[in-house]
Amino acid sequence: TLVQTNQKARRGHTRTATLGLEAVDGAPSLTSTSLAQTGGIALSDAKE
């Protein structure tokens, strides 16, 4: 029972780490989109 408990705990930690990496990987994509939108607005204001 102790061995099974340790294996489940390790699988839980692995899944949490994987979700964390996915969240981190998703952040640059979101940031890049925001920067692109902000840059477009700034260029539009500068042109006006």
ModelCIF file with pLDDT and N, C-alpha, C, O atoms, coordinates in Angstrom:
data_MODEL
#
_entry.id   MODEL 
#
_entity.id                         1 
_entity.type                       polymer 
_entity.pdbx_number_of_molecules   1 
#
_entity_poly.entity_id                      1 
_entity_poly.type                           'polypeptide(L)' 
_entity_poly.nstd_linkage                   no 
_entity_poly.nstd_monomer                   no 
_entity_poly.pdbx_seq_one_letter_code       TLVQTNQKARRGHTRTATLGLEAVDGAPSLTSTSLAQTGGIALSDAKE 
_entity_poly.pdbx_seq_one_letter_code_can   TLVQTNQKARRGHTRTATLGLEAVDGAPSLTSTSLAQTGGIALSDAKE 
_entity_poly.pdbx_strand_id                 A 
#
loop_
_entity_poly_seq.entity_id 
_entity_poly_seq.num 
_entity_poly_seq.mon_id 
_entity_poly_seq.hetero 
1 1  THR n 
1 2  LEU n 
1 3  VAL n 
1 4  GLN n 
1 5  THR n 
1 6  ASN n 
1 7  GLN n 
1 8  LYS n 
1 9  ALA n 
1 10 ARG n 
1 11 ARG n 
1 12 GLY n 
1 13 HIS n 
1 14 THR n 
1 15 ARG n 
1 16 THR n 
1 17 ALA n 
1 18 THR n 
1 19 LEU n 
1 20 GLY n 
1 21 LEU n 
1 22 GLU n 
1 23 ALA n 
1 24 VAL n 
1 25 ASP n 
1 26 GLY n 
1 27 ALA n 
1 28 PRO n 
1 29 SER n 
1 30 LEU n 
1 31 THR n 
1 32 SER n 
1 33 THR n 
1 34 SER n 
1 35 LEU n 
1 36 ALA n 
1 37 GLN n 
1 38 THR n 
1 39 GLY n 
1 40 GLY n 
1 41 ILE n 
1 42 ALA n 
1 43 LEU n 
1 44 SER n 
1 45 ASP n 
1 46 ALA n 
1 47 LYS n 
1 48 GLU n 
#
_struct_asym.id          A 
_struct_asym.entity_id   1 
#
loop_
_ma_qa_metric.id 
_ma_qa_metric.mode 
_ma_qa_metric.name 
_ma_qa_metric.software_group_id 
_ma_qa_metric.type 
1 global pLDDT . pLDDT 
2 local  pLDDT . pLDDT 
#
_ma_qa_metric_global.metric_id      1 
_ma_qa_metric_global.metric_value   43.19 
_ma_qa_metric_global.model_id       1 
_ma_qa_metric_global.ordinal_id     1 
#
loop_
_ma_qa_metric_local.label_asym_id 
_ma_qa_metric_local.label_comp_id 
_ma_qa_metric_local.label_seq_id 
_ma_qa_metric_local.metric_id 
_ma_qa_metric_local.metric_value 
_ma_qa_metric_local.model_id 
_ma_qa_metric_local.ordinal_id 
A THR 1  2 45.00 1 1  
A LEU 2  2 39.00 1 2  
A VAL 3  2 38.00 1 3  
A GLN 4  2 44.00 1 4  
A THR 5  2 41.00 1 5  
A ASN 6  2 42.00 1 6  
A GLN 7  2 45.00 1 7  
A LYS 8  2 44.00 1 8  
A ALA 9  2 42.00 1 9  
A ARG 10 2 47.00 1 10 
A ARG 11 2 50.00 1 11 
A GLY 12 2 47.00 1 12 
A HIS 13 2 44.00 1 13 
A THR 14 2 43.00 1 14 
A ARG 15 2 46.00 1 15 
A THR 16 2 43.00 1 16 
A ALA 17 2 40.00 1 17 
A THR 18 2 42.00 1 18 
A LEU 19 2 37.00 1 19 
A GLY 20 2 42.00 1 20 
A LEU 21 2 35.00 1 21 
A GLU 22 2 40.00 1 22 
A ALA 23 2 40.00 1 23 
A VAL 24 2 39.00 1 24 
A ASP 25 2 44.00 1 25 
A GLY 26 2 42.00 1 26 
A ALA 27 2 42.00 1 27 
A PRO 28 2 42.00 1 28 
A SER 29 2 42.00 1 29 
A LEU 30 2 36.00 1 30 
A THR 31 2 46.00 1 31 
A SER 32 2 45.00 1 32 
A THR 33 2 46.00 1 33 
A SER 34 2 46.00 1 34 
A LEU 35 2 35.00 1 35 
A ALA 36 2 43.00 1 36 
A GLN 37 2 49.00 1 37 
A THR 38 2 45.00 1 38 
A GLY 39 2 47.00 1 39 
A GLY 40 2 47.00 1 40 
A ILE 41 2 46.00 1 41 
A ALA 42 2 43.00 1 42 
A LEU 43 2 43.00 1 43 
A SER 44 2 47.00 1 44 
A ASP 45 2 45.00 1 45 
A ALA 46 2 44.00 1 46 
A LYS 47 2 48.00 1 47 
A GLU 48 2 45.00 1 48 
#
loop_
_atom_site.group_PDB 
_atom_site.id 
_atom_site.type_symbol 
_atom_site.label_atom_id 
_atom_site.label_alt_id 
_atom_site.label_comp_id 
_atom_site.label_asym_id 
_atom_site.label_entity_id 
_atom_site.label_seq_id 
_atom_site.pdbx_PDB_ins_code 
_atom_site.Cartn_x 
_atom_site.Cartn_y 
_atom_site.Cartn_z 
_atom_site.occupancy 
_atom_site.B_iso_or_equiv 
_atom_site.pdbx_formal_charge 
_atom_site.auth_seq_id 
_atom_site.auth_comp_id 
_atom_site.auth_asym_id 
_atom_site.auth_atom_id 
_atom_site.pdbx_PDB_model_num 
ATOM 1   N N  . THR A 1 1  ? 0.827  -1.204 0.000   1.00 45.00 ? 1  THR A N  1 
ATOM 2   C CA . THR A 1 1  ? 0.000  0.000  0.000   1.00 45.00 ? 1  THR A CA 1 
ATOM 3   C C  . THR A 1 1  ? 0.855  1.245  0.000   1.00 45.00 ? 1  THR A C  1 
ATOM 4   O O  . THR A 1 1  ? 0.525  2.238  -0.649  1.00 45.00 ? 1  THR A O  1 
ATOM 5   N N  . LEU A 1 2  ? 2.002  1.189  0.761   1.00 39.00 ? 2  LEU A N  1 
ATOM 6   C CA . LEU A 1 2  ? 2.901  2.343  0.812   1.00 39.00 ? 2  LEU A CA 1 
ATOM 7   C C  . LEU A 1 2  ? 3.511  2.629  -0.551  1.00 39.00 ? 2  LEU A C  1 
ATOM 8   O O  . LEU A 1 2  ? 3.654  3.782  -0.956  1.00 39.00 ? 2  LEU A O  1 
ATOM 9   N N  . VAL A 1 3  ? 3.885  1.509  -1.284  1.00 38.00 ? 3  VAL A N  1 
ATOM 10  C CA . VAL A 1 3  ? 4.471  1.697  -2.619  1.00 38.00 ? 3  VAL A CA 1 
ATOM 11  C C  . VAL A 1 3  ? 3.468  2.313  -3.569  1.00 38.00 ? 3  VAL A C  1 
ATOM 12  O O  . VAL A 1 3  ? 3.827  3.206  -4.337  1.00 38.00 ? 3  VAL A O  1 
ATOM 13  N N  . GLN A 1 4  ? 2.235  1.871  -3.543  1.00 44.00 ? 4  GLN A N  1 
ATOM 14  C CA . GLN A 1 4  ? 1.204  2.424  -4.419  1.00 44.00 ? 4  GLN A CA 1 
ATOM 15  C C  . GLN A 1 4  ? 0.944  3.895  -4.101  1.00 44.00 ? 4  GLN A C  1 
ATOM 16  O O  . GLN A 1 4  ? 0.725  4.719  -4.989  1.00 44.00 ? 4  GLN A O  1 
ATOM 17  N N  . THR A 1 5  ? 0.977  4.195  -2.792  1.00 41.00 ? 5  THR A N  1 
ATOM 18  C CA . THR A 1 5  ? 0.756  5.606  -2.387  1.00 41.00 ? 5  THR A CA 1 
ATOM 19  C C  . THR A 1 5  ? 1.856  6.505  -2.921  1.00 41.00 ? 5  THR A C  1 
ATOM 20  O O  . THR A 1 5  ? 1.588  7.610  -3.392  1.00 41.00 ? 5  THR A O  1 
ATOM 21  N N  . ASN A 1 6  ? 3.129  6.019  -2.846  1.00 42.00 ? 6  ASN A N  1 
ATOM 22  C CA . ASN A 1 6  ? 4.257  6.821  -3.350  1.00 42.00 ? 6  ASN A CA 1 
ATOM 23  C C  . ASN A 1 6  ? 4.161  7.024  -4.854  1.00 42.00 ? 6  ASN A C  1 
ATOM 24  O O  . ASN A 1 6  ? 4.442  8.107  -5.366  1.00 42.00 ? 6  ASN A O  1 
ATOM 25  N N  . GLN A 1 7  ? 3.753  5.946  -5.572  1.00 45.00 ? 7  GLN A N  1 
ATOM 26  C CA . GLN A 1 7  ? 3.616  6.067  -7.025  1.00 45.00 ? 7  GLN A CA 1 
ATOM 27  C C  . GLN A 1 7  ? 2.536  7.071  -7.395  1.00 45.00 ? 7  GLN A C  1 
ATOM 28  O O  . GLN A 1 7  ? 2.720  7.863  -8.319  1.00 45.00 ? 7  GLN A O  1 
ATOM 29  N N  . LYS A 1 8  ? 1.420  7.051  -6.693  1.00 44.00 ? 8  LYS A N  1 
ATOM 30  C CA . LYS A 1 8  ? 0.348  8.026  -6.973  1.00 44.00 ? 8  LYS A CA 1 
ATOM 31  C C  . LYS A 1 8  ? 0.808  9.444  -6.681  1.00 44.00 ? 8  LYS A C  1 
ATOM 32  O O  . LYS A 1 8  ? 0.497  10.378 -7.419  1.00 44.00 ? 8  LYS A O  1 
ATOM 33  N N  . ALA A 1 9  ? 1.563  9.591  -5.579  1.00 42.00 ? 9  ALA A N  1 
ATOM 34  C CA . ALA A 1 9  ? 2.051  10.938 -5.238  1.00 42.00 ? 9  ALA A CA 1 
ATOM 35  C C  . ALA A 1 9  ? 2.978  11.464 -6.320  1.00 42.00 ? 9  ALA A C  1 
ATOM 36  O O  . ALA A 1 9  ? 2.912  12.629 -6.710  1.00 42.00 ? 9  ALA A O  1 
ATOM 37  N N  . ARG A 1 10 ? 3.889  10.534 -6.822  1.00 47.00 ? 10 ARG A N  1 
ATOM 38  C CA . ARG A 1 10 ? 4.805  10.977 -7.871  1.00 47.00 ? 10 ARG A CA 1 
ATOM 39  C C  . ARG A 1 10 ? 4.060  11.346 -9.154  1.00 47.00 ? 10 ARG A C  1 
ATOM 40  O O  . ARG A 1 10 ? 4.411  12.313 -9.829  1.00 47.00 ? 10 ARG A O  1 
ATOM 41  N N  . ARG A 1 11 ? 2.998  10.541 -9.491  1.00 50.00 ? 11 ARG A N  1 
ATOM 42  C CA . ARG A 1 11 ? 2.212  10.865 -10.678 1.00 50.00 ? 11 ARG A CA 1 
ATOM 43  C C  . ARG A 1 11 ? 1.495  12.217 -10.521 1.00 50.00 ? 11 ARG A C  1 
ATOM 44  O O  . ARG A 1 11 ? 1.373  12.980 -11.479 1.00 50.00 ? 11 ARG A O  1 
ATOM 45  N N  . GLY A 1 12 ? 1.026  12.496 -9.299  1.00 47.00 ? 12 GLY A N  1 
ATOM 46  C CA . GLY A 1 12 ? 0.371  13.785 -9.041  1.00 47.00 ? 12 GLY A CA 1 
ATOM 47  C C  . GLY A 1 12 ? 1.326  14.950 -9.207  1.00 47.00 ? 12 GLY A C  1 
ATOM 48  O O  . GLY A 1 12 ? 0.977  15.976 -9.790  1.00 47.00 ? 12 GLY A O  1 
ATOM 49  N N  . HIS A 1 13 ? 2.558  14.780 -8.681  1.00 44.00 ? 13 HIS A N  1 
ATOM 50  C CA . HIS A 1 13 ? 3.563  15.848 -8.828  1.00 44.00 ? 13 HIS A CA 1 
ATOM 51  C C  . HIS A 1 13 ? 3.922  16.060 -10.291 1.00 44.00 ? 13 HIS A C  1 
ATOM 52  O O  . HIS A 1 13 ? 4.085  17.190 -10.751 1.00 44.00 ? 13 HIS A O  1 
ATOM 53  N N  . THR A 1 14 ? 4.043  14.926 -11.028 1.00 43.00 ? 14 THR A N  1 
ATOM 54  C CA . THR A 1 14 ? 4.384  15.041 -12.462 1.00 43.00 ? 14 THR A CA 1 
ATOM 55  C C  . THR A 1 14 ? 3.294  15.779 -13.218 1.00 43.00 ? 14 THR A C  1 
ATOM 56  O O  . THR A 1 14 ? 3.588  16.629 -14.059 1.00 43.00 ? 14 THR A O  1 
ATOM 57  N N  . ARG A 1 15 ? 2.022  15.461 -12.925 1.00 46.00 ? 15 ARG A N  1 
ATOM 58  C CA . ARG A 1 15 ? 0.892  16.121 -13.611 1.00 46.00 ? 15 ARG A CA 1 
ATOM 59  C C  . ARG A 1 15 ? 0.850  17.609 -13.269 1.00 46.00 ? 15 ARG A C  1 
ATOM 60  O O  . ARG A 1 15 ? 0.577  18.447 -14.128 1.00 46.00 ? 15 ARG A O  1 
ATOM 61  N N  . THR A 1 16 ? 1.127  17.926 -11.993 1.00 43.00 ? 16 THR A N  1 
ATOM 62  C CA . THR A 1 16 ? 1.138  19.341 -11.575 1.00 43.00 ? 16 THR A CA 1 
ATOM 63  C C  . THR A 1 16 ? 2.246  20.107 -12.290 1.00 43.00 ? 16 THR A C  1 
ATOM 64  O O  . THR A 1 16 ? 2.043  21.228 -12.756 1.00 43.00 ? 16 THR A O  1 
ATOM 65  N N  . ALA A 1 17 ? 3.432  19.476 -12.370 1.00 40.00 ? 17 ALA A N  1 
ATOM 66  C CA . ALA A 1 17 ? 4.560  20.128 -13.065 1.00 40.00 ? 17 ALA A CA 1 
ATOM 67  C C  . ALA A 1 17 ? 4.256  20.328 -14.535 1.00 40.00 ? 17 ALA A C  1 
ATOM 68  O O  . ALA A 1 17 ? 4.603  21.351 -15.126 1.00 40.00 ? 17 ALA A O  1 
ATOM 69  N N  . THR A 1 18 ? 3.586  19.307 -15.132 1.00 42.00 ? 18 THR A N  1 
ATOM 70  C CA . THR A 1 18 ? 3.226  19.423 -16.553 1.00 42.00 ? 18 THR A CA 1 
ATOM 71  C C  . THR A 1 18 ? 2.250  20.557 -16.790 1.00 42.00 ? 18 THR A C  1 
ATOM 72  O O  . THR A 1 18 ? 2.398  21.327 -17.739 1.00 42.00 ? 18 THR A O  1 
ATOM 73  N N  . LEU A 1 19 ? 1.242  20.659 -15.918 1.00 37.00 ? 19 LEU A N  1 
ATOM 74  C CA . LEU A 1 19 ? 0.285  21.766 -16.035 1.00 37.00 ? 19 LEU A CA 1 
ATOM 75  C C  . LEU A 1 19 ? 0.972  23.109 -15.837 1.00 37.00 ? 19 LEU A C  1 
ATOM 76  O O  . LEU A 1 19 ? 0.642  24.097 -16.493 1.00 37.00 ? 19 LEU A O  1 
ATOM 77  N N  . GLY A 1 20 ? 1.949  23.126 -14.905 1.00 42.00 ? 20 GLY A N  1 
ATOM 78  C CA . GLY A 1 20 ? 2.684  24.379 -14.668 1.00 42.00 ? 20 GLY A CA 1 
ATOM 79  C C  . GLY A 1 20 ? 3.463  24.804 -15.896 1.00 42.00 ? 20 GLY A C  1 
ATOM 80  O O  . GLY A 1 20 ? 3.499  25.981 -16.253 1.00 42.00 ? 20 GLY A O  1 
ATOM 81  N N  . LEU A 1 21 ? 4.101  23.802 -16.552 1.00 35.00 ? 21 LEU A N  1 
ATOM 82  C CA . LEU A 1 21 ? 4.854  24.119 -17.769 1.00 35.00 ? 21 LEU A CA 1 
ATOM 83  C C  . LEU A 1 21 ? 3.950  24.584 -18.880 1.00 35.00 ? 21 LEU A C  1 
ATOM 84  O O  . LEU A 1 21 ? 4.306  25.483 -19.642 1.00 35.00 ? 21 LEU A O  1 
ATOM 85  N N  . GLU A 1 22 ? 2.759  23.967 -18.983 1.00 40.00 ? 22 GLU A N  1 
ATOM 86  C CA . GLU A 1 22 ? 1.817  24.398 -19.995 1.00 40.00 ? 22 GLU A CA 1 
ATOM 87  C C  . GLU A 1 22 ? 1.364  25.822 -19.749 1.00 40.00 ? 22 GLU A C  1 
ATOM 88  O O  . GLU A 1 22 ? 1.204  26.609 -20.681 1.00 40.00 ? 22 GLU A O  1 
ATOM 89  N N  . ALA A 1 23 ? 1.159  26.145 -18.469 1.00 40.00 ? 23 ALA A N  1 
ATOM 90  C CA . ALA A 1 23 ? 0.753  27.523 -18.145 1.00 40.00 ? 23 ALA A CA 1 
ATOM 91  C C  . ALA A 1 23 ? 1.855  28.502 -18.479 1.00 40.00 ? 23 ALA A C  1 
ATOM 92  O O  . ALA A 1 23 ? 1.607  29.591 -18.996 1.00 40.00 ? 23 ALA A O  1 
ATOM 93  N N  . VAL A 1 24 ? 3.109  28.089 -18.167 1.00 39.00 ? 24 VAL A N  1 
ATOM 94  C CA . VAL A 1 24 ? 4.234  28.980 -18.478 1.00 39.00 ? 24 VAL A CA 1 
ATOM 95  C C  . VAL A 1 24 ? 4.399  29.111 -19.982 1.00 39.00 ? 24 VAL A C  1 
ATOM 96  O O  . VAL A 1 24 ? 4.651  30.197 -20.504 1.00 39.00 ? 24 VAL A O  1 
ATOM 97  N N  . ASP A 1 25 ? 4.250  27.963 -20.680 1.00 44.00 ? 25 ASP A N  1 
ATOM 98  C CA . ASP A 1 25 ? 4.377  28.016 -22.142 1.00 44.00 ? 25 ASP A CA 1 
ATOM 99  C C  . ASP A 1 25 ? 3.292  28.880 -22.754 1.00 44.00 ? 25 ASP A C  1 
ATOM 100 O O  . ASP A 1 25 ? 3.552  29.534 -23.765 1.00 44.00 ? 25 ASP A O  1 
ATOM 101 N N  . GLY A 1 26 ? 2.109  28.918 -22.206 1.00 42.00 ? 26 GLY A N  1 
ATOM 102 C CA . GLY A 1 26 ? 1.007  29.713 -22.744 1.00 42.00 ? 26 GLY A CA 1 
ATOM 103 C C  . GLY A 1 26 ? 1.161  31.181 -22.488 1.00 42.00 ? 26 GLY A C  1 
ATOM 104 O O  . GLY A 1 26 ? 0.606  32.005 -23.215 1.00 42.00 ? 26 GLY A O  1 
ATOM 105 N N  . ALA A 1 27 ? 1.926  31.529 -21.440 1.00 42.00 ? 27 ALA A N  1 
ATOM 106 C CA . ALA A 1 27 ? 2.058  32.938 -21.071 1.00 42.00 ? 27 ALA A CA 1 
ATOM 107 C C  . ALA A 1 27 ? 2.725  33.765 -22.147 1.00 42.00 ? 27 ALA A C  1 
ATOM 108 O O  . ALA A 1 27 ? 2.210  34.838 -22.460 1.00 42.00 ? 27 ALA A O  1 
ATOM 109 N N  . PRO A 1 28 ? 3.867  33.337 -22.754 1.00 42.00 ? 28 PRO A N  1 
ATOM 110 C CA . PRO A 1 28 ? 4.463  34.154 -23.813 1.00 42.00 ? 28 PRO A CA 1 
ATOM 111 C C  . PRO A 1 28 ? 3.536  34.388 -24.979 1.00 42.00 ? 28 PRO A C  1 
ATOM 112 O O  . PRO A 1 28 ? 3.544  35.468 -25.570 1.00 42.00 ? 28 PRO A O  1 
ATOM 113 N N  . SER A 1 29 ? 2.734  33.395 -25.323 1.00 42.00 ? 29 SER A N  1 
ATOM 114 C CA . SER A 1 29 ? 1.805  33.575 -26.430 1.00 42.00 ? 29 SER A CA 1 
ATOM 115 C C  . SER A 1 29 ? 0.815  34.674 -26.126 1.00 42.00 ? 29 SER A C  1 
ATOM 116 O O  . SER A 1 29 ? 0.530  35.519 -26.975 1.00 42.00 ? 29 SER A O  1 
ATOM 117 N N  . LEU A 1 30 ? 0.280  34.663 -24.886 1.00 36.00 ? 30 LEU A N  1 
ATOM 118 C CA . LEU A 1 30 ? -0.663 35.693 -24.488 1.00 36.00 ? 30 LEU A CA 1 
ATOM 119 C C  . LEU A 1 30 ? 0.008  37.057 -24.431 1.00 36.00 ? 30 LEU A C  1 
ATOM 120 O O  . LEU A 1 30 ? -0.569 38.060 -24.851 1.00 36.00 ? 30 LEU A O  1 
ATOM 121 N N  . THR A 1 31 ? 1.251  37.088 -23.901 1.00 46.00 ? 31 THR A N  1 
ATOM 122 C CA . THR A 1 31 ? 1.992  38.353 -23.799 1.00 46.00 ? 31 THR A CA 1 
ATOM 123 C C  . THR A 1 31 ? 2.304  38.903 -25.178 1.00 46.00 ? 31 THR A C  1 
ATOM 124 O O  . THR A 1 31 ? 2.173  40.105 -25.408 1.00 46.00 ? 31 THR A O  1 
ATOM 125 N N  . SER A 1 32 ? 2.714  38.046 -26.096 1.00 45.00 ? 32 SER A N  1 
ATOM 126 C CA . SER A 1 32 ? 3.032  38.498 -27.453 1.00 45.00 ? 32 SER A CA 1 
ATOM 127 C C  . SER A 1 32 ? 1.815  39.099 -28.137 1.00 45.00 ? 32 SER A C  1 
ATOM 128 O O  . SER A 1 32 ? 1.923  40.103 -28.841 1.00 45.00 ? 32 SER A O  1 
ATOM 129 N N  . THR A 1 33 ? 0.662  38.486 -27.930 1.00 46.00 ? 33 THR A N  1 
ATOM 130 C CA . THR A 1 33 ? -0.568 39.018 -28.529 1.00 46.00 ? 33 THR A CA 1 
ATOM 131 C C  . THR A 1 33 ? -0.895 40.391 -27.964 1.00 46.00 ? 33 THR A C  1 
ATOM 132 O O  . THR A 1 33 ? -1.271 41.311 -28.691 1.00 46.00 ? 33 THR A O  1 
ATOM 133 N N  . SER A 1 34 ? -0.740 40.506 -26.637 1.00 46.00 ? 34 SER A N  1 
ATOM 134 C CA . SER A 1 34 ? -1.028 41.806 -26.002 1.00 46.00 ? 34 SER A CA 1 
ATOM 135 C C  . SER A 1 34 ? -0.079 42.869 -26.494 1.00 46.00 ? 34 SER A C  1 
ATOM 136 O O  . SER A 1 34 ? -0.489 43.996 -26.774 1.00 46.00 ? 34 SER A O  1 
ATOM 137 N N  . LEU A 1 35 ? 1.219  42.511 -26.603 1.00 35.00 ? 35 LEU A N  1 
ATOM 138 C CA . LEU A 1 35 ? 2.203  43.487 -27.085 1.00 35.00 ? 35 LEU A CA 1 
ATOM 139 C C  . LEU A 1 35 ? 1.918  43.893 -28.516 1.00 35.00 ? 35 LEU A C  1 
ATOM 140 O O  . LEU A 1 35 ? 2.063  45.061 -28.879 1.00 35.00 ? 35 LEU A O  1 
ATOM 141 N N  . ALA A 1 36 ? 1.511  42.922 -29.333 1.00 43.00 ? 36 ALA A N  1 
ATOM 142 C CA . ALA A 1 36 ? 1.200  43.244 -30.727 1.00 43.00 ? 36 ALA A CA 1 
ATOM 143 C C  . ALA A 1 36 ? 0.024  44.204 -30.816 1.00 43.00 ? 36 ALA A C  1 
ATOM 144 O O  . ALA A 1 36 ? 0.035  45.152 -31.600 1.00 43.00 ? 36 ALA A O  1 
ATOM 145 N N  . GLN A 1 37 ? -1.009 43.938 -29.984 1.00 49.00 ? 37 GLN A N  1 
ATOM 146 C CA . GLN A 1 37 ? -2.162 44.838 -29.984 1.00 49.00 ? 37 GLN A CA 1 
ATOM 147 C C  . GLN A 1 37 ? -1.779 46.225 -29.492 1.00 49.00 ? 37 GLN A C  1 
ATOM 148 O O  . GLN A 1 37 ? -2.194 47.230 -30.069 1.00 49.00 ? 37 GLN A O  1 
ATOM 149 N N  . THR A 1 38 ? -0.971 46.281 -28.405 1.00 45.00 ? 38 THR A N  1 
ATOM 150 C CA . THR A 1 38 ? -0.537 47.573 -27.865 1.00 45.00 ? 38 THR A CA 1 
ATOM 151 C C  . THR A 1 38 ? 0.312  48.333 -28.876 1.00 45.00 ? 38 THR A C  1 
ATOM 152 O O  . THR A 1 38 ? 0.164  49.542 -29.050 1.00 45.00 ? 38 THR A O  1 
ATOM 153 N N  . GLY A 1 39 ? 1.212  47.593 -29.546 1.00 47.00 ? 39 GLY A N  1 
ATOM 154 C CA . GLY A 1 39 ? 2.047  48.237 -30.553 1.00 47.00 ? 39 GLY A CA 1 
ATOM 155 C C  . GLY A 1 39 ? 1.237  48.785 -31.706 1.00 47.00 ? 39 GLY A C  1 
ATOM 156 O O  . GLY A 1 39 ? 1.531  49.862 -32.224 1.00 47.00 ? 39 GLY A O  1 
ATOM 157 N N  . GLY A 1 40 ? 0.207  48.037 -32.112 1.00 47.00 ? 40 GLY A N  1 
ATOM 158 C CA . GLY A 1 40 ? -0.651 48.514 -33.200 1.00 47.00 ? 40 GLY A CA 1 
ATOM 159 C C  . GLY A 1 40 ? -1.381 49.784 -32.832 1.00 47.00 ? 40 GLY A C  1 
ATOM 160 O O  . GLY A 1 40 ? -1.508 50.698 -33.646 1.00 47.00 ? 40 GLY A O  1 
ATOM 161 N N  . ILE A 1 41 ? -1.871 49.841 -31.576 1.00 46.00 ? 41 ILE A N  1 
ATOM 162 C CA . ILE A 1 41 ? -2.552 51.056 -31.109 1.00 46.00 ? 41 ILE A CA 1 
ATOM 163 C C  . ILE A 1 41 ? -1.596 52.227 -31.053 1.00 46.00 ? 41 ILE A C  1 
ATOM 164 O O  . ILE A 1 41 ? -1.947 53.341 -31.441 1.00 46.00 ? 41 ILE A O  1 
ATOM 165 N N  . ALA A 1 42 ? -0.368 51.977 -30.563 1.00 43.00 ? 42 ALA A N  1 
ATOM 166 C CA . ALA A 1 42 ? 0.628  53.060 -30.474 1.00 43.00 ? 42 ALA A CA 1 
ATOM 167 C C  . ALA A 1 42 ? 0.984  53.594 -31.853 1.00 43.00 ? 42 ALA A C  1 
ATOM 168 O O  . ALA A 1 42 ? 1.090  54.805 -32.046 1.00 43.00 ? 42 ALA A O  1 
ATOM 169 N N  . LEU A 1 43 ? 1.172  52.678 -32.827 1.00 43.00 ? 43 LEU A N  1 
ATOM 170 C CA . LEU A 1 43 ? 1.495  53.123 -34.180 1.00 43.00 ? 43 LEU A CA 1 
ATOM 171 C C  . LEU A 1 43 ? 0.350  53.916 -34.787 1.00 43.00 ? 43 LEU A C  1 
ATOM 172 O O  . LEU A 1 43 ? 0.574  54.895 -35.499 1.00 43.00 ? 43 LEU A O  1 
ATOM 173 N N  . SER A 1 44 ? -0.877 53.493 -34.505 1.00 47.00 ? 44 SER A N  1 
ATOM 174 C CA . SER A 1 44 ? -2.042 54.219 -35.017 1.00 47.00 ? 44 SER A CA 1 
ATOM 175 C C  . SER A 1 44 ? -2.118 55.620 -34.427 1.00 47.00 ? 44 SER A C  1 
ATOM 176 O O  . SER A 1 44 ? -2.397 56.585 -35.139 1.00 47.00 ? 44 SER A O  1 
ATOM 177 N N  . ASP A 1 45 ? -1.865 55.732 -33.098 1.00 45.00 ? 45 ASP A N  1 
ATOM 178 C CA . ASP A 1 45 ? -1.875 57.049 -32.450 1.00 45.00 ? 45 ASP A CA 1 
ATOM 179 C C  . ASP A 1 45 ? -0.763 57.934 -32.995 1.00 45.00 ? 45 ASP A C  1 
ATOM 180 O O  . ASP A 1 45 ? -0.967 59.127 -33.221 1.00 45.00 ? 45 ASP A O  1 
ATOM 181 N N  . ALA A 1 46 ? 0.412  57.349 -33.205 1.00 44.00 ? 46 ALA A N  1 
ATOM 182 C CA . ALA A 1 46 ? 1.537  58.129 -33.739 1.00 44.00 ? 46 ALA A CA 1 
ATOM 183 C C  . ALA A 1 46 ? 1.226  58.638 -35.140 1.00 44.00 ? 46 ALA A C  1 
ATOM 184 O O  . ALA A 1 46 ? 1.563  59.772 -35.478 1.00 44.00 ? 46 ALA A O  1 
ATOM 185 N N  . LYS A 1 47 ? 0.585  57.805 -35.957 1.00 48.00 ? 47 LYS A N  1 
ATOM 186 C CA . LYS A 1 47 ? 0.223  58.219 -37.317 1.00 48.00 ? 47 LYS A CA 1 
ATOM 187 C C  . LYS A 1 47 ? -0.785 59.364 -37.277 1.00 48.00 ? 47 LYS A C  1 
ATOM 188 O O  . LYS A 1 47 ? -0.682 60.308 -38.060 1.00 48.00 ? 47 LYS A O  1 
ATOM 189 N N  . GLU A 1 48 ? -1.765 59.286 -36.363 1.00 45.00 ? 48 GLU A N  1 
ATOM 190 C CA . GLU A 1 48 ? -2.754 60.358 -36.248 1.00 45.00 ? 48 GLU A CA 1 
ATOM 191 C C  . GLU A 1 48 ? -2.090 61.662 -35.818 1.00 45.00 ? 48 GLU A C  1 
ATOM 192 O O  . GLU A 1 48 ? -2.766 62.679 -35.668 1.00 45.00 ? 48 GLU A O  1 
#
